[in-house]
């Protein structure tokens, strides 16, 4: 759904004004499932990433805001999840997004 604020609360919110970010979240969730490395631990982990979306839909300035606690998941979030989910619907905003890995 929709959410505004700083994106640090529980759930799947992202930081932005009153825009509908559902298309972004859906793309990122699918990408996170595809990019998640195999793990021995079945506990879900969450990494928080920040990135900006260019007017052409390409992501830029991808950074890790909060670690998942596992280096392989953090790398997947930065190097696979966000790039694989692109192109995004065009905007000139930056987003902070929690990515869940199961």
Protein backbone atom coordinates (compact mmCIF):
# COMPACT_ATOMS: atom_id res chain seq x y z
CA UNK A 1 0.00 0.00 0.00
CA UNK A 2 0.85 3.54 0.55
CA UNK A 3 3.00 4.99 3.24
CA UNK A 4 4.81 8.19 3.90
CA UNK A 5 7.39 8.97 6.52
CA UNK A 6 10.97 7.95 7.00
CA UNK A 7 10.55 4.31 6.07
CA UNK A 8 12.11 3.00 9.27
CA UNK A 9 8.98 1.55 10.87
CA UNK A 10 7.85 -2.06 10.60
CA UNK A 11 6.11 -3.37 7.51
CA UNK A 12 7.07 -2.52 3.98
CA UNK A 13 7.01 1.26 3.89
CA UNK A 14 9.29 3.51 1.97
CA UNK A 15 10.21 7.14 2.35
CA UNK A 16 8.43 9.53 0.04
CA UNK A 17 5.56 11.96 -0.09
CA UNK A 18 2.02 10.73 -0.67
CA UNK A 19 2.82 8.80 -3.85
CA UNK A 20 1.66 5.23 -4.40
CA UNK A 21 4.82 3.13 -4.21
CA UNK A 22 3.12 -0.26 -4.67
CA UNK A 23 4.74 -0.87 -8.11
CA UNK A 24 8.21 -0.30 -6.63
CA UNK A 25 7.60 -2.60 -3.67
CA UNK A 26 6.18 -5.38 -5.84
CA UNK A 27 9.23 -5.29 -8.13
CA UNK A 28 11.62 -5.31 -5.16
CA UNK A 29 9.86 -8.21 -3.42
CA UNK A 30 10.02 -10.36 -6.56
CA UNK A 31 13.66 -9.45 -7.03
CA UNK A 32 14.53 -10.22 -3.39
CA UNK A 33 13.05 -13.73 -3.77
CA UNK A 34 15.09 -14.31 -6.94
CA UNK A 35 18.34 -12.88 -5.53
CA UNK A 36 18.34 -14.44 -2.06
CA UNK A 37 21.34 -16.72 -1.59
CA UNK A 38 20.77 -20.16 -0.07
CA UNK A 39 21.01 -20.04 3.69
CA UNK A 40 21.24 -22.59 6.51
CA UNK A 41 19.31 -20.25 8.79
CA UNK A 42 15.58 -20.19 8.07
CA UNK A 43 14.93 -17.07 10.15
CA UNK A 44 13.82 -14.16 7.97
CA UNK A 45 16.34 -11.33 7.72
CA UNK A 46 15.85 -7.76 6.64
CA UNK A 47 18.26 -5.31 5.07
CA UNK A 48 17.32 -1.70 4.46
CA UNK A 49 18.55 -0.03 1.30
CA UNK A 50 18.33 3.47 -0.05
CA UNK A 51 18.43 4.35 -3.72
CA UNK A 52 17.36 7.11 -6.03
CA UNK A 53 15.34 6.61 -9.19
CA UNK A 54 16.28 8.57 -12.26
CA UNK A 55 13.62 9.94 -14.61
CA UNK A 56 14.38 7.01 -16.98
CA UNK A 57 13.63 4.49 -14.20
CA UNK A 58 17.22 3.44 -13.53
CA UNK A 59 18.43 3.20 -9.91
CA UNK A 60 21.41 5.19 -8.72
CA UNK A 61 23.21 5.87 -5.42
CA UNK A 62 22.31 2.43 -4.02
CA UNK A 63 23.46 2.15 -0.41
CA UNK A 64 22.91 -0.05 2.63
CA UNK A 65 21.11 1.81 5.42
CA UNK A 66 20.79 -1.13 7.81
CA UNK A 67 22.54 -4.48 7.60
CA UNK A 68 20.68 -7.78 7.67
CA UNK A 69 23.46 -9.18 9.83
CA UNK A 70 24.62 -11.44 6.99
CA UNK A 71 27.19 -10.17 4.50
CA UNK A 72 25.84 -12.35 1.66
CA UNK A 73 22.33 -10.92 2.07
CA UNK A 74 23.64 -7.36 2.25
CA UNK A 75 25.61 -7.91 -0.98
CA UNK A 76 22.53 -9.42 -2.64
CA UNK A 77 20.44 -6.40 -1.61
CA UNK A 78 22.91 -3.95 -3.13
CA UNK A 79 24.24 -5.85 -6.15
CA UNK A 80 21.23 -7.92 -7.22
CA UNK A 81 17.85 -6.94 -5.75
CA UNK A 82 17.72 -3.25 -6.70
CA UNK A 83 19.40 -3.58 -10.13
CA UNK A 84 17.31 -6.64 -11.04
CA UNK A 85 14.06 -4.84 -10.13
CA UNK A 86 14.85 -1.98 -12.53
CA UNK A 87 13.64 -0.22 -14.53
CA UNK A 88 11.32 1.40 -12.01
CA UNK A 89 8.36 3.61 -12.80
CA UNK A 90 9.89 7.02 -13.57
CA UNK A 91 10.36 9.44 -10.70
CA UNK A 92 13.08 11.70 -9.42
CA UNK A 93 12.78 10.56 -5.80
CA UNK A 94 14.99 8.61 -3.46
CA UNK A 95 13.55 5.66 -1.56
CA UNK A 96 14.49 3.85 1.63
CA UNK A 97 13.18 0.32 1.47
CA UNK A 98 13.30 -2.67 3.84
CA UNK A 99 14.05 -5.88 1.92
CA UNK A 100 13.04 -9.15 3.55
CA UNK A 101 14.92 -12.35 2.87
CA UNK A 102 13.39 -15.65 3.95
